[in-house]
Amino acid sequence: MSESDEAEIRQLEICIGPPDIGDGDAVYPVARLMIDGEDALADVGKWRLGPWPAEQILTAGAPMLPAVPPRRVIVDAGWPDPDGLAPQIGRRGDVVVWSDFHTVFEISDGPLDFSEAYGWAPVSVPDVLLDASQYTAEVQRATAAREWESVPWQTALLLHSYLREGPITPGDQWEVGFAEPDREHGNQYRLTYWTVDLHASAVVPLTAAPGPAEQQARSMYDYLSNGQHGRGLVD
């Protein structure tokens, strides 16, 4: 973000999906906070920042909603170090304001939990101004939808757990990444593999047999078990 963007009134979009960092042990799906369609805060600071798991940031306590007085919220978490980016979130009339950005050293279990923080450092990020009506509606929508509890996401998470317990990979250089629903096609999924050094990824498209989440996940795992894990592999 540049200083010239400071006065722009922006819009928030919350997207549920897998992390873009290849650690297959990560809790997901995550809630990516997109500002005008961009993951604008991901590269602020020393480390690549990533979103919180959706179930941690889209909670009944609504940490993303502005408070009076403004409160500090960890909006993104660092990787590989457990640091976070934490602005104050408040409201000025018709505008939600993210301001006074700080890096928090050592985050804990949620966006409002600073119990393990041992230090703070200011970050040079201009205030982010967001349309309050649209912002509030988007946070409430994403919180109420609980998309991560849907059958497609439960199917993807079951497949991921099967593959963590019994890994099936295209070769020794690959590790299981994340499974996710294909948003454009029902009963279809995407399985991401990462190289061991996390420098490259590839995707296998999968189709689930009809049925409840466990049956769908098992059908895809069986398909991969039968030697189909390399078929359709795309970079």
Foldseek 3Di string as FASTA:
>chain_A
DDPVCQPPAWFWAWDFDCKPFFDQVDDDRFTQIAINNHSVCQPFDDFGWIGDHLPQQLDPVNPVAADVVWDWWFGTAGPPFGKTKIFTWHDDVQKIKGDFIKIFHHDDDHGRDNPPTDDIGTTPDRIHIYGNVNHVVNSVVSSVPPVCPDQQNLLFVLLSVVCVVPPQAPDPQKDWGGKGADVVDPQKIKTKIAGPVRPDIKIAIDGFDDDTSVRRSVRRVVVSVVVCRVPRIGD
